[in-house]
C-alpha atoms as a PDB file:
ATOM      1  CA  MET A   1     122.290 100.793  80.326  1.00  0.00           C
ATOM      2  CA  ASN A   2     124.574  99.944  83.151  1.00  0.00           C
ATOM      3  CA  SER A   3     123.789 101.591  86.422  1.00  0.00           C
ATOM      4  CA  GLU A   4     126.563 101.590  88.926  1.00  0.00           C
ATOM      5  CA  PRO A   5     125.712 101.871  92.592  1.00  0.00           C
ATOM      6  CA  PRO A   6     126.759 105.185  94.056  1.00  0.00           C
ATOM      7  CA  SER A   7     130.062 104.924  95.769  1.00  0.00           C
ATOM      8  CA  VAL A   8     130.024 105.667  99.410  1.00  0.00           C
ATOM      9  CA  SER A   9     133.139 107.183 100.781  1.00  0.00           C
ATOM     10  CA  VAL A  10     133.753 106.613 104.445  1.00  0.00           C
ATOM     11  CA  VAL A  11     135.651 109.405 106.057  1.00  0.00           C
ATOM     12  CA  GLU A  12     137.001 108.592 109.429  1.00  0.00           C
ATOM     13  CA  SER A  13     136.549 111.569 111.629  1.00  0.00           C
ATOM     14  CA  SER A  14     139.234 112.229 114.207  1.00  0.00           C
ATOM     15  CA  PRO A  15     139.626 115.123 116.530  1.00  0.00           C
ATOM     16  CA  PRO A  16     141.994 117.807 115.258  1.00  0.00           C
ATOM     17  CA  LEU A  17     145.464 117.844 116.668  1.00  0.00           C
ATOM     18  CA  ALA A  18     144.892 121.307 118.050  1.00  0.00           C
ATOM     19  CA  THR A  19     141.889 120.054 120.088  1.00  0.00           C
ATOM     20  CA  VAL A  20     143.945 117.199 121.582  1.00  0.00           C
ATOM     21  CA  ALA A  21     146.700 119.642 122.397  1.00  0.00           C
ATOM     22  CA  TRP A  22     144.297 122.027 124.130  1.00  0.00           C
ATOM     23  CA  VAL A  23     142.768 119.182 126.149  1.00  0.00           C
ATOM     24  CA  MET A  24     146.222 118.045 127.296  1.00  0.00           C
ATOM     25  CA  ILE A  25     147.165 121.627 128.203  1.00  0.00           C
ATOM     26  CA  ILE A  26     143.958 122.106 130.193  1.00  0.00           C
ATOM     27  CA  LEU A  27     144.364 118.773 132.064  1.00  0.00           C
ATOM     28  CA  THR A  28     148.014 119.450 132.863  1.00  0.00           C
ATOM     29  CA  THR A  29     147.279 123.015 134.021  1.00  0.00           C
ATOM     30  CA  GLY A  30     144.372 121.780 136.132  1.00  0.00           C
ATOM     31  CA  LEU A  31     146.521 119.139 137.819  1.00  0.00           C
ATOM     32  CA  PHE A  32     149.281 121.703 138.479  1.00  0.00           C
ATOM     33  CA  LEU A  33     146.821 124.146 140.002  1.00  0.00           C
ATOM     34  CA  LEU A  34     145.215 121.461 142.181  1.00  0.00           C
ATOM     35  CA  ARG A  35     148.593 120.545 143.659  1.00  0.00           C
ATOM     36  CA  GLU A  36     149.808 124.109 144.062  1.00  0.00           C
ATOM     37  CA  LEU A  37     146.506 125.441 145.509  1.00  0.00           C
ATOM     38  CA  GLY A  38     146.107 122.515 147.886  1.00  0.00           C
ATOM     39  CA  VAL A  39     147.062 124.608 150.865  1.00  0.00           C
ATOM     40  CA  ILE A  40     144.023 126.801 150.210  1.00  0.00           C
ATOM     41  CA  LEU A  41     141.560 124.282 148.810  1.00  0.00           C
ATOM     42  CA  LYS A  42     142.001 121.481 151.341  1.00  0.00           C
ATOM     43  CA  PRO A  43     140.887 123.487 154.407  1.00  0.00           C
ATOM     44  CA  LEU A  44     138.074 125.022 152.374  1.00  0.00           C
ATOM     45  CA  LEU A  45     136.724 121.655 151.219  1.00  0.00           C
ATOM     46  CA  LEU A  46     137.124 120.151 154.655  1.00  0.00           C
ATOM     47  CA  ALA A  47     135.138 123.072 156.037  1.00  0.00           C
ATOM     48  CA  VAL A  48     132.396 122.334 153.457  1.00  0.00           C
ATOM     49  CA  LEU A  49     132.157 118.724 154.582  1.00  0.00           C
ATOM     50  CA  PHE A  50     132.095 119.704 158.248  1.00  0.00           C
ATOM     51  CA  ALA A  51     129.351 122.201 157.392  1.00  0.00           C
ATOM     52  CA  TYR A  52     127.133 119.373 156.176  1.00  0.00           C
ATOM     53  CA  VAL A  53     127.572 117.730 159.564  1.00  0.00           C
ATOM     54  CA  ILE A  54     127.346 120.861 161.714  1.00  0.00           C
ATOM     55  CA  ILE A  55     124.544 122.811 159.966  1.00  0.00           C
ATOM     56  CA  PRO A  56     121.749 120.526 161.315  1.00  0.00           C
ATOM     57  CA  PHE A  57     123.199 120.923 164.790  1.00  0.00           C
ATOM     58  CA  HIS A  58     123.543 124.636 164.215  1.00  0.00           C
ATOM     59  CA  GLN A  59     119.838 124.888 163.258  1.00  0.00           C
ATOM     60  CA  ARG A  60     118.890 123.285 166.579  1.00  0.00           C
ATOM     61  CA  VAL A  61     121.166 125.628 168.552  1.00  0.00           C
ATOM     62  CA  LYS A  62     119.639 128.646 166.763  1.00  0.00           C
ATOM     63  CA  GLN A  63     116.264 127.751 168.288  1.00  0.00           C
ATOM     64  CA  ARG A  64     117.623 128.446 171.757  1.00  0.00           C
ATOM     65  CA  VAL A  65     120.495 130.831 171.140  1.00  0.00           C
ATOM     66  CA  PRO A  66     120.463 134.016 169.051  1.00  0.00           C
ATOM     67  CA  GLY A  67     121.893 133.626 165.540  1.00  0.00           C
ATOM     68  CA  ARG A  68     125.379 135.112 165.877  1.00  0.00           C
ATOM     69  CA  PHE A  69     125.947 133.645 169.302  1.00  0.00           C
ATOM     70  CA  ALA A  70     124.897 130.231 167.921  1.00  0.00           C
ATOM     71  CA  ILE A  71     127.527 130.524 165.189  1.00  0.00           C
ATOM     72  CA  VAL A  72     130.220 131.348 167.732  1.00  0.00           C
ATOM     73  CA  ALA A  73     129.091 128.540 170.051  1.00  0.00           C
ATOM     74  CA  VAL A  74     129.154 125.928 167.291  1.00  0.00           C
ATOM     75  CA  ALA A  75     132.560 127.098 165.985  1.00  0.00           C
ATOM     76  CA  VAL A  76     133.992 127.056 169.545  1.00  0.00           C
ATOM     77  CA  LEU A  77     132.640 123.568 170.214  1.00  0.00           C
ATOM     78  CA  PHE A  78     134.134 122.372 166.936  1.00  0.00           C
ATOM     79  CA  LEU A  79     137.574 123.841 167.700  1.00  0.00           C
ATOM     80  CA  LEU A  80     137.464 122.366 171.237  1.00  0.00           C
ATOM     81  CA  ALA A  81     136.565 118.926 169.922  1.00  0.00           C
ATOM     82  CA  LEU A  82     139.398 119.124 167.342  1.00  0.00           C
ATOM     83  CA  ALA A  83     141.838 120.321 170.020  1.00  0.00           C
ATOM     84  CA  GLY A  84     140.864 117.467 172.315  1.00  0.00           C
ATOM     85  CA  LEU A  85     141.298 114.878 169.619  1.00  0.00           C
ATOM     86  CA  THR A  86     144.663 116.399 168.641  1.00  0.00           C
ATOM     87  CA  ALA A  87     145.811 116.292 172.286  1.00  0.00           C
ATOM     88  CA  ILE A  88     144.847 112.650 172.584  1.00  0.00           C
ATOM     89  CA  VAL A  89     146.719 111.720 169.414  1.00  0.00           C
ATOM     90  CA  GLN A  90     149.801 113.708 170.459  1.00  0.00           C
ATOM     91  CA  SER A  91     149.843 112.239 173.950  1.00  0.00           C
ATOM     92  CA  ASN A  92     149.524 108.648 172.700  1.00  0.00           C
ATOM     93  CA  ALA A  93     152.076 109.192 169.939  1.00  0.00           C
ATOM     94  CA  ARG A  94     154.530 110.538 172.497  1.00  0.00           C
ATOM     95  CA  THR A  95     153.930 107.558 174.790  1.00  0.00           C
ATOM     96  CA  LEU A  96     154.318 105.155 171.891  1.00  0.00           C
ATOM     97  CA  TYR A  97     157.550 106.808 170.865  1.00  0.00           C
ATOM     98  CA  GLU A  98     158.891 106.499 174.420  1.00  0.00           C
ATOM     99  CA  GLU A  99     157.970 102.810 174.472  1.00  0.00           C
ATOM    100  CA  PHE A 100     159.555 102.129 171.100  1.00  0.00           C
ATOM    101  CA  PRO A 101     162.777 100.576 172.487  1.00  0.00           C
ATOM    102  CA  ALA A 102     160.765  98.018 174.485  1.00  0.00           C
ATOM    103  CA  LEU A 103     158.501  97.322 171.496  1.00  0.00           C
ATOM    104  CA  SER A 104     161.574  96.940 169.316  1.00  0.00           C
ATOM    105  CA  GLN A 105     163.066  94.352 171.659  1.00  0.00           C
ATOM    106  CA  GLN A 106     159.767  92.522 171.745  1.00  0.00           C
ATOM    107  CA  ALA A 107     159.662  92.506 167.925  1.00  0.00           C
ATOM    108  CA  LYS A 108     163.230  91.126 167.801  1.00  0.00           C
ATOM    109  CA  SER A 109     162.268  88.363 170.238  1.00  0.00           C
ATOM    110  CA  LEU A 110     159.165  87.447 168.178  1.00  0.00           C
ATOM    111  CA  ILE A 111     161.205  87.403 164.984  1.00  0.00           C
ATOM    112  CA  GLY A 112     163.775  85.149 166.626  1.00  0.00           C
ATOM    113  CA  GLN A 113     161.071  82.765 167.814  1.00  0.00           C
ATOM    114  CA  PHE A 114     159.488  82.700 164.387  1.00  0.00           C
ATOM    115  CA  THR A 115     162.848  82.121 162.686  1.00  0.00           C
ATOM    116  CA  ALA A 116     163.697  79.277 165.032  1.00  0.00           C
ATOM    117  CA  TYR A 117     160.307  77.677 164.522  1.00  0.00           C
ATOM    118  CA  CYS A 118     160.527  77.894 160.748  1.00  0.00           C
ATOM    119  CA  GLY A 119     164.138  76.687 160.774  1.00  0.00           C
ATOM    120  CA  GLU A 120     163.100  73.634 162.779  1.00  0.00           C
ATOM    121  CA  ARG A 121     159.965  72.832 160.844  1.00  0.00           C
ATOM    122  CA  PHE A 122     160.930  74.071 157.346  1.00  0.00           C
ATOM    123  CA  PRO A 123     164.745  74.061 156.958  1.00  0.00           C
ATOM    124  CA  SER A 124     164.555  75.113 153.311  1.00  0.00           C
ATOM    125  CA  SER A 125     162.967  78.404 154.270  1.00  0.00           C
ATOM    126  CA  THR A 126     165.795  79.535 156.633  1.00  0.00           C
ATOM    127  CA  ARG A 127     167.683  81.433 153.913  1.00  0.00           C
ATOM    128  CA  MET A 128     164.615  83.321 152.783  1.00  0.00           C
ATOM    129  CA  ILE A 129     163.660  84.270 156.343  1.00  0.00           C
ATOM    130  CA  SER A 130     167.202  85.454 157.109  1.00  0.00           C
ATOM    131  CA  GLU A 131     167.128  87.689 153.989  1.00  0.00           C
ATOM    132  CA  LEU A 132     163.808  89.164 155.145  1.00  0.00           C
ATOM    133  CA  THR A 133     165.148  89.918 158.659  1.00  0.00           C
ATOM    134  CA  GLN A 134     168.296  91.605 157.279  1.00  0.00           C
ATOM    135  CA  THR A 135     166.264  94.790 156.772  1.00  0.00           C
ATOM    136  CA  GLU A 136     165.233  94.834 160.428  1.00  0.00           C
ATOM    137  CA  GLN A 137     167.327  97.842 161.322  1.00  0.00           C
ATOM    138  CA  ASN A 138     166.003  99.812 158.374  1.00  0.00           C
ATOM    139  CA  SER A 139     162.477  98.865 159.330  1.00  0.00           C
ATOM    140  CA  GLU A 140     163.077 100.089 162.886  1.00  0.00           C
ATOM    141  CA  ASN A 141     164.276 103.439 161.579  1.00  0.00           C
ATOM    142  CA  VAL A 142     161.233 103.749 159.341  1.00  0.00           C
ATOM    143  CA  ILE A 143     158.819 102.890 162.135  1.00  0.00           C
ATOM    144  CA  ARG A 144     160.546 105.253 164.574  1.00  0.00           C
ATOM    145  CA  ASP A 145     160.403 108.021 162.002  1.00  0.00           C
ATOM    146  CA  LEU A 146     156.722 107.267 161.334  1.00  0.00           C
ATOM    147  CA  ILE A 147     155.829 107.432 165.015  1.00  0.00           C
ATOM    148  CA  GLY A 148     157.739 110.677 165.358  1.00  0.00           C
ATOM    149  CA  ARG A 149     155.791 112.188 162.493  1.00  0.00           C
ATOM    150  CA  VAL A 150     152.430 111.324 163.992  1.00  0.00           C
ATOM    151  CA  ALA A 151     152.849 114.047 166.647  1.00  0.00           C
ATOM    152  CA  GLY A 152     153.903 116.469 163.939  1.00  0.00           C
ATOM    153  CA  VAL A 153     150.821 115.593 161.885  1.00  0.00           C
ATOM    154  CA  ALA A 154     148.632 116.128 164.968  1.00  0.00           C
ATOM    155  CA  ALA A 155     150.203 119.557 165.539  1.00  0.00           C
ATOM    156  CA  GLU A 156     149.700 120.444 161.858  1.00  0.00           C
ATOM    157  CA  THR A 157     146.068 119.267 162.180  1.00  0.00           C
ATOM    158  CA  ALA A 158     145.545 121.779 164.985  1.00  0.00           C
ATOM    159  CA  SER A 159     146.789 124.667 162.849  1.00  0.00           C
ATOM    160  CA  VAL A 160     144.717 123.546 159.853  1.00  0.00           C
ATOM    161  CA  GLY A 161     141.742 123.153 162.201  1.00  0.00           C
ATOM    162  CA  VAL A 162     141.892 126.870 163.048  1.00  0.00           C
ATOM    163  CA  VAL A 163     141.664 127.730 159.352  1.00  0.00           C
ATOM    164  CA  VAL A 164     138.859 125.219 158.864  1.00  0.00           C
ATOM    165  CA  GLY A 165     137.021 126.691 161.838  1.00  0.00           C
ATOM    166  CA  LEU A 166     137.238 130.209 160.362  1.00  0.00           C
ATOM    167  CA  TYR A 167     135.957 129.009 156.993  1.00  0.00           C
ATOM    168  CA  LEU A 168     133.168 127.125 158.750  1.00  0.00           C
ATOM    169  CA  MET A 169     132.129 130.164 160.785  1.00  0.00           C
ATOM    170  CA  PHE A 170     131.764 132.304 157.663  1.00  0.00           C
ATOM    171  CA  MET A 171     129.930 129.488 155.867  1.00  0.00           C
ATOM    172  CA  LEU A 172     127.393 129.286 158.680  1.00  0.00           C
ATOM    173  CA  VAL A 173     126.895 133.069 158.404  1.00  0.00           C
ATOM    174  CA  GLU A 174     126.470 133.030 154.625  1.00  0.00           C
ATOM    175  CA  ALA A 175     124.354 129.832 154.365  1.00  0.00           C
ATOM    176  CA  GLY A 176     121.083 131.633 154.983  1.00  0.00           C
ATOM    177  CA  ARG A 177     121.847 134.464 152.572  1.00  0.00           C
ATOM    178  CA  PHE A 178     123.061 132.393 149.657  1.00  0.00           C
ATOM    179  CA  PRO A 179     119.674 131.530 148.034  1.00  0.00           C
ATOM    180  CA  GLN A 180     118.633 135.183 148.018  1.00  0.00           C
ATOM    181  CA  ARG A 181     121.935 136.191 146.366  1.00  0.00           C
ATOM    182  CA  VAL A 182     121.558 133.556 143.673  1.00  0.00           C
ATOM    183  CA  ARG A 183     118.039 134.762 142.824  1.00  0.00           C
ATOM    184  CA  SER A 184     119.201 138.364 142.678  1.00  0.00           C
ATOM    185  CA  ALA A 185     122.138 137.527 140.404  1.00  0.00           C
ATOM    186  CA  PHE A 186     120.351 135.269 137.874  1.00  0.00           C
ATOM    187  CA  SER A 187     117.034 135.035 136.122  1.00  0.00           C
ATOM    188  CA  ASP A 188     114.263 133.069 137.816  1.00  0.00           C
ATOM    189  CA  HIS A 189     114.621 130.076 135.520  1.00  0.00           C
ATOM    190  CA  ARG A 190     118.433 129.981 135.837  1.00  0.00           C
ATOM    191  CA  ALA A 191     118.306 130.552 139.608  1.00  0.00           C
ATOM    192  CA  ASP A 192     115.865 127.618 139.969  1.00  0.00           C
ATOM    193  CA  GLN A 193     118.276 125.372 138.017  1.00  0.00           C
ATOM    194  CA  ILE A 194     121.227 126.403 140.198  1.00  0.00           C
ATOM    195  CA  MET A 195     119.313 125.951 143.393  1.00  0.00           C
ATOM    196  CA  GLN A 196     118.042 122.563 142.226  1.00  0.00           C
ATOM    197  CA  THR A 197     121.607 121.418 141.474  1.00  0.00           C
ATOM    198  CA  ILE A 198     122.804 122.703 144.838  1.00  0.00           C
ATOM    199  CA  ALA A 199     119.936 120.963 146.574  1.00  0.00           C
ATOM    200  CA  SER A 200     120.832 117.683 144.872  1.00  0.00           C
ATOM    201  CA  ILE A 201     124.490 118.071 145.902  1.00  0.00           C
ATOM    202  CA  ASN A 202     123.442 118.894 149.464  1.00  0.00           C
ATOM    203  CA  ALA A 203     121.169 115.837 149.637  1.00  0.00           C
ATOM    204  CA  GLY A 204     123.784 113.525 148.106  1.00  0.00           C
ATOM    205  CA  ILE A 205     126.656 114.654 150.353  1.00  0.00           C
ATOM    206  CA  ALA A 206     124.490 114.777 153.490  1.00  0.00           C
ATOM    207  CA  ASP A 207     123.159 111.261 152.866  1.00  0.00           C
ATOM    208  CA  TYR A 208     126.663 109.953 152.255  1.00  0.00           C
ATOM    209  CA  LEU A 209     128.207 111.589 155.331  1.00  0.00           C
ATOM    210  CA  ARG A 210     125.329 110.566 157.623  1.00  0.00           C
ATOM    211  CA  ALA A 211     125.473 106.986 156.401  1.00  0.00           C
ATOM    212  CA  LYS A 212     129.274 106.862 156.528  1.00  0.00           C
ATOM    213  CA  VAL A 213     129.364 108.183 160.097  1.00  0.00           C
ATOM    214  CA  TYR A 214     126.886 105.572 161.236  1.00  0.00           C
ATOM    215  CA  ALA A 215     128.804 102.840 159.427  1.00  0.00           C
ATOM    216  CA  SER A 216     132.127 104.000 160.909  1.00  0.00           C
ATOM    217  CA  LEU A 217     130.633 104.000 164.391  1.00  0.00           C
ATOM    218  CA  THR A 218     129.350 100.421 163.926  1.00  0.00           C
ATOM    219  CA  LEU A 219     132.964  99.484 163.116  1.00  0.00           C
ATOM    220  CA  ALA A 220     134.881 101.601 165.676  1.00  0.00           C
ATOM    221  CA  VAL A 221     132.701 100.949 168.792  1.00  0.00           C
ATOM    222  CA  PRO A 222     132.964  97.102 168.708  1.00  0.00           C
ATOM    223  CA  ILE A 223     136.723  97.365 168.047  1.00  0.00           C
ATOM    224  CA  PHE A 224     137.142  99.615 171.060  1.00  0.00           C
ATOM    225  CA  VAL A 225     135.164  97.266 173.262  1.00  0.00           C
ATOM    226  CA  VAL A 226     137.171  94.211 172.159  1.00  0.00           C
ATOM    227  CA  LEU A 227     140.538  95.930 172.612  1.00  0.00           C
ATOM    228  CA  PHE A 228     139.493  97.391 175.970  1.00  0.00           C
ATOM    229  CA  VAL A 229     138.240  94.048 177.298  1.00  0.00           C
ATOM    230  CA  PHE A 230     141.518  92.343 176.355  1.00  0.00           C
ATOM    231  CA  GLY A 231     143.534  95.162 177.925  1.00  0.00           C
ATOM    232  CA  THR A 232     145.203  96.340 174.704  1.00  0.00           C
ATOM    233  CA  ARG A 233     146.911  99.632 175.170  1.00  0.00           C
ATOM    234  CA  PHE A 234     145.796 102.694 173.167  1.00  0.00           C
ATOM    235  CA  ALA A 235     142.396 101.087 172.550  1.00  0.00           C
ATOM    236  CA  LEU A 236     140.797 104.521 172.055  1.00  0.00           C
ATOM    237  CA  VAL A 237     143.436 105.513 169.507  1.00  0.00           C
ATOM    238  CA  TRP A 238     142.905 102.318 167.500  1.00  0.00           C
ATOM    239  CA  ALA A 239     139.152 102.878 167.575  1.00  0.00           C
ATOM    240  CA  VAL A 240     139.496 106.498 166.364  1.00  0.00           C
ATOM    241  CA  LEU A 241     141.911 105.268 163.701  1.00  0.00           C
ATOM    242  CA  ASN A 242     139.345 102.785 162.438  1.00  0.00           C
ATOM    243  CA  PHE A 243     136.593 105.418 162.482  1.00  0.00           C
ATOM    244  CA  LEU A 244     138.665 107.855 160.363  1.00  0.00           C
ATOM    245  CA  ALA A 245     140.244 105.207 158.118  1.00  0.00           C
ATOM    246  CA  ASN A 246     136.788 103.875 157.192  1.00  0.00           C
ATOM    247  CA  PHE A 247     136.204 107.091 155.243  1.00  0.00           C
ATOM    248  CA  ILE A 248     139.032 106.025 152.868  1.00  0.00           C
ATOM    249  CA  PRO A 249     137.623 103.274 150.635  1.00  0.00           C
ATOM    250  CA  TYR A 250     139.432  99.903 150.520  1.00  0.00           C
ATOM    251  CA  LEU A 251     142.845 101.094 151.840  1.00  0.00           C
ATOM    252  CA  GLY A 252     141.378 102.404 155.095  1.00  0.00           C
ATOM    253  CA  ALA A 253     140.076  98.969 156.141  1.00  0.00           C
ATOM    254  CA  MET A 254     143.548  97.435 155.602  1.00  0.00           C
ATOM    255  CA  VAL A 255     145.245 100.064 157.761  1.00  0.00           C
ATOM    256  CA  GLY A 256     142.517 100.002 160.380  1.00  0.00           C
ATOM    257  CA  TYR A 257     142.873  96.252 160.828  1.00  0.00           C
ATOM    258  CA  SER A 258     146.638  95.771 160.465  1.00  0.00           C
ATOM    259  CA  LEU A 259     147.914  98.397 162.908  1.00  0.00           C
ATOM    260  CA  PRO A 260     146.004  97.368 166.070  1.00  0.00           C
ATOM    261  CA  THR A 261     146.552  93.719 165.189  1.00  0.00           C
ATOM    262  CA  LEU A 262     150.307  94.149 164.891  1.00  0.00           C
ATOM    263  CA  TYR A 263     150.375  96.102 168.133  1.00  0.00           C
ATOM    264  CA  ALA A 264     148.461  93.329 169.842  1.00  0.00           C
ATOM    265  CA  LEU A 265     151.092  90.907 168.556  1.00  0.00           C
ATOM    266  CA  LEU A 266     153.865  93.055 170.111  1.00  0.00           C
ATOM    267  CA  GLN A 267     151.994  93.369 173.368  1.00  0.00           C
ATOM    268  CA  PHE A 268     150.824  89.790 173.849  1.00  0.00           C
ATOM    269  CA  GLY A 269     153.183  87.770 171.660  1.00  0.00           C
ATOM    270  CA  PHE A 270     152.129  84.562 169.911  1.00  0.00           C
ATOM    271  CA  GLY A 271     149.497  83.797 172.526  1.00  0.00           C
ATOM    272  CA  TRP A 272     145.779  83.134 172.614  1.00  0.00           C
ATOM    273  CA  GLU A 273     145.070  86.793 173.244  1.00  0.00           C
ATOM    274  CA  PHE A 274     146.674  87.846 169.933  1.00  0.00           C
ATOM    275  CA  VAL A 275     144.931  85.085 167.988  1.00  0.00           C
ATOM    276  CA  THR A 276     141.555  85.939 169.540  1.00  0.00           C
ATOM    277  CA  ILE A 277     141.978  89.697 168.954  1.00  0.00           C
ATOM    278  CA  ALA A 278     143.074  89.186 165.337  1.00  0.00           C
ATOM    279  CA  THR A 279     140.171  86.815 164.658  1.00  0.00           C
ATOM    280  CA  ILE A 280     137.515  89.060 166.256  1.00  0.00           C
ATOM    281  CA  LEU A 281     138.778  92.225 164.560  1.00  0.00           C
ATOM    282  CA  LEU A 282     138.844  90.444 161.203  1.00  0.00           C
ATOM    283  CA  THR A 283     135.298  89.238 161.766  1.00  0.00           C
ATOM    284  CA  ILE A 284     134.143  92.753 162.672  1.00  0.00           C
ATOM    285  CA  HIS A 285     135.727  94.185 159.533  1.00  0.00           C
ATOM    286  CA  ILE A 286     134.239  91.479 157.295  1.00  0.00           C
ATOM    287  CA  LEU A 287     130.745  91.823 158.765  1.00  0.00           C
ATOM    288  CA  THR A 288     130.882  95.611 158.552  1.00  0.00           C
ATOM    289  CA  ALA A 289     132.113  95.596 154.932  1.00  0.00           C
ATOM    290  CA  THR A 290     129.720  92.950 153.688  1.00  0.00           C
ATOM    291  CA  VAL A 291     126.598  93.394 155.805  1.00  0.00           C
ATOM    292  CA  GLY A 292     126.537  96.506 158.010  1.00  0.00           C
ATOM    293  CA  GLU A 293     127.940  99.228 155.699  1.00  0.00           C
ATOM    294  CA  PRO A 294     125.985  98.222 152.560  1.00  0.00           C
ATOM    295  CA  ALA A 295     122.780  98.098 154.594  1.00  0.00           C
ATOM    296  CA  ILE A 296     123.429 101.550 156.095  1.00  0.00           C
ATOM    297  CA  ILE A 297     124.872 103.330 153.036  1.00  0.00           C
ATOM    298  CA  GLY A 298     122.807 101.602 150.325  1.00  0.00           C
ATOM    299  CA  LYS A 299     122.636 103.911 147.329  1.00  0.00           C
ATOM    300  CA  ALA A 300     123.888 106.970 149.152  1.00  0.00           C
ATOM    301  CA  VAL A 301     127.028 107.084 146.974  1.00  0.00           C
ATOM    302  CA  GLY A 302     125.693 105.861 143.648  1.00  0.00           C
ATOM    303  CA  VAL A 303     129.163 105.723 142.054  1.00  0.00           C
ATOM    304  CA  SER A 304     130.879 102.745 140.470  1.00  0.00           C
ATOM    305  CA  PRO A 305     133.518 101.067 142.745  1.00  0.00           C
ATOM    306  CA  LEU A 306     136.062 101.350 139.885  1.00  0.00           C
ATOM    307  CA  VAL A 307     135.454 105.065 139.620  1.00  0.00           C
ATOM    308  CA  ILE A 308     135.861 105.406 143.406  1.00  0.00           C
ATOM    309  CA  LEU A 309     139.191 103.557 143.188  1.00  0.00           C
ATOM    310  CA  ILE A 310     140.414 105.838 140.378  1.00  0.00           C
ATOM    311  CA  SER A 311     139.224 108.905 142.283  1.00  0.00           C
ATOM    312  CA  LEU A 312     141.009 107.677 145.404  1.00  0.00           C
ATOM    313  CA  ALA A 313     144.295 107.313 143.505  1.00  0.00           C
ATOM    314  CA  PHE A 314     143.893 110.697 141.747  1.00  0.00           C
ATOM    315  CA  TRP A 315     143.031 112.788 144.834  1.00  0.00           C
ATOM    316  CA  GLY A 316     145.591 110.916 146.923  1.00  0.00           C
ATOM    317  CA  TYR A 317     148.247 111.846 144.406  1.00  0.00           C
ATOM    318  CA  CYS A 318     147.122 115.496 144.442  1.00  0.00           C
ATOM    319  CA  TRP A 319     146.565 116.077 148.173  1.00  0.00           C
ATOM    320  CA  GLY A 320     147.811 113.003 150.011  1.00  0.00           C
ATOM    321  CA  LEU A 321     145.799 111.709 152.955  1.00  0.00           C
ATOM    322  CA  THR A 322     143.407 114.667 152.905  1.00  0.00           C
ATOM    323  CA  GLY A 323     142.660 113.948 149.227  1.00  0.00           C
ATOM    324  CA  MET A 324     141.782 110.350 150.098  1.00  0.00           C
ATOM    325  CA  PHE A 325     139.242 111.604 152.665  1.00  0.00           C
ATOM    326  CA  LEU A 326     137.788 113.973 150.095  1.00  0.00           C
ATOM    327  CA  ALA A 327     137.822 111.543 147.143  1.00  0.00           C
ATOM    328  CA  VAL A 328     134.324 110.117 147.469  1.00  0.00           C
ATOM    329  CA  PRO A 329     132.526 113.402 148.343  1.00  0.00           C
ATOM    330  CA  LEU A 330     134.212 115.203 145.404  1.00  0.00           C
ATOM    331  CA  THR A 331     133.281 112.323 143.089  1.00  0.00           C
ATOM    332  CA  VAL A 332     129.662 112.454 144.235  1.00  0.00           C
ATOM    333  CA  ILE A 333     129.571 116.214 143.671  1.00  0.00           C
ATOM    334  CA  ALA A 334     131.040 115.846 140.171  1.00  0.00           C
ATOM    335  CA  LYS A 335     128.492 113.127 139.299  1.00  0.00           C
ATOM    336  CA  ILE A 336     125.533 115.227 140.512  1.00  0.00           C
ATOM    337  CA  ILE A 337     126.736 118.271 138.551  1.00  0.00           C
ATOM    338  CA  CYS A 338     127.206 116.189 135.394  1.00  0.00           C
ATOM    339  CA  SER A 339     123.707 114.732 135.769  1.00  0.00           C
ATOM    340  CA  HIS A 340     122.172 118.243 135.761  1.00  0.00           C
ATOM    341  CA  ILE A 341     123.987 119.372 132.576  1.00  0.00           C
ATOM    342  CA  GLU A 342     122.574 117.916 129.362  1.00  0.00           C
ATOM    343  CA  ALA A 343     125.950 117.670 127.605  1.00  0.00           C
ATOM    344  CA  THR A 344     127.554 115.734 130.500  1.00  0.00           C
ATOM    345  CA  GLN A 345     124.652 113.450 131.420  1.00  0.00           C
ATOM    346  CA  PRO A 346     126.278 110.473 129.606  1.00  0.00           C
ATOM    347  CA  ILE A 347     129.300 110.880 131.854  1.00  0.00           C
ATOM    348  CA  ALA A 348     127.080 110.755 134.956  1.00  0.00           C
ATOM    349  CA  ARG A 349     125.518 107.526 133.690  1.00  0.00           C
ATOM    350  CA  LEU A 350     128.930 106.034 132.977  1.00  0.00           C
ATOM    351  CA  VAL A 351     130.283 106.589 136.468  1.00  0.00           C
ATOM    352  CA  SER A 352     127.033 105.469 138.124  1.00  0.00           C
ATOM    353  CA  ASP A 353     126.813 102.009 139.796  1.00  0.00           C
ATOM    354  CA  GLU A 354     123.374 101.396 138.361  1.00  0.00           C
END
């Protein structure tokens, strides 16, 4: 009697076409809504981040000032600080724009010296250098337009700051009432889960912001001291630029180093001052990126560097510069939420840096 082994049929399972179509529709709709609702969502999310920084200060103020007056005082201080920073940026941008003709002549002189030096030392490179300098006029127009837009961005920041301040004021009012509202809206077990997730998000974002502020200060303060000692103009602006740019992973360090270094080149020329400033600033950036920031931040983020880079590109595409600032906090929030939902816990482990 011949016994044949049972045949095993392997059926390759694949998601139905309708499921794929629905996923694509949802993703496309979500991306469209993010871009269209950016005017509303960006100030709201910025207010949320500022709330993590201001709420501890607000709690201290409440100990000495009645509740509602404390909210008004904190909001007014925030708006005054934003207005002061905006005024500094506008003033320096206006001065820089007025000095642009002199800086342009200095740039032409430096390019001429560099071309002559390369033509004398490396004759074969003369043609390549001349082709690079043919776009000089276009580069001047781009730089002039960029400097002119800085003042416009500062003015726009002031108007956005008013909206952020209003959001922040209402958040400070509602922060104490929110836990009670959650417990009245859900069952005890569900309310505990929601509050636990919110507590994890609060702890993660607060740890990240606190660590990032300290790390940015360790970068900006030495840069300001170096530029101020060497007499570099707009030293405070370059320091503030480095402080803010440090919140943008990877790209921020490049911008924070290149702009003050290039300005030092225009101000001092190919001299020992420029070489010393460029070397010291590069050393500060390297030490901060490799020693200082990892020691301060540690595991505060807990997200893979590749995921951070992808998040930076995505939110930058959606909301521009503001999206780059929000990229890491939004990624941390998404990771924490995924880690508290059983179905999405594998996603949280995939994006983790552990």
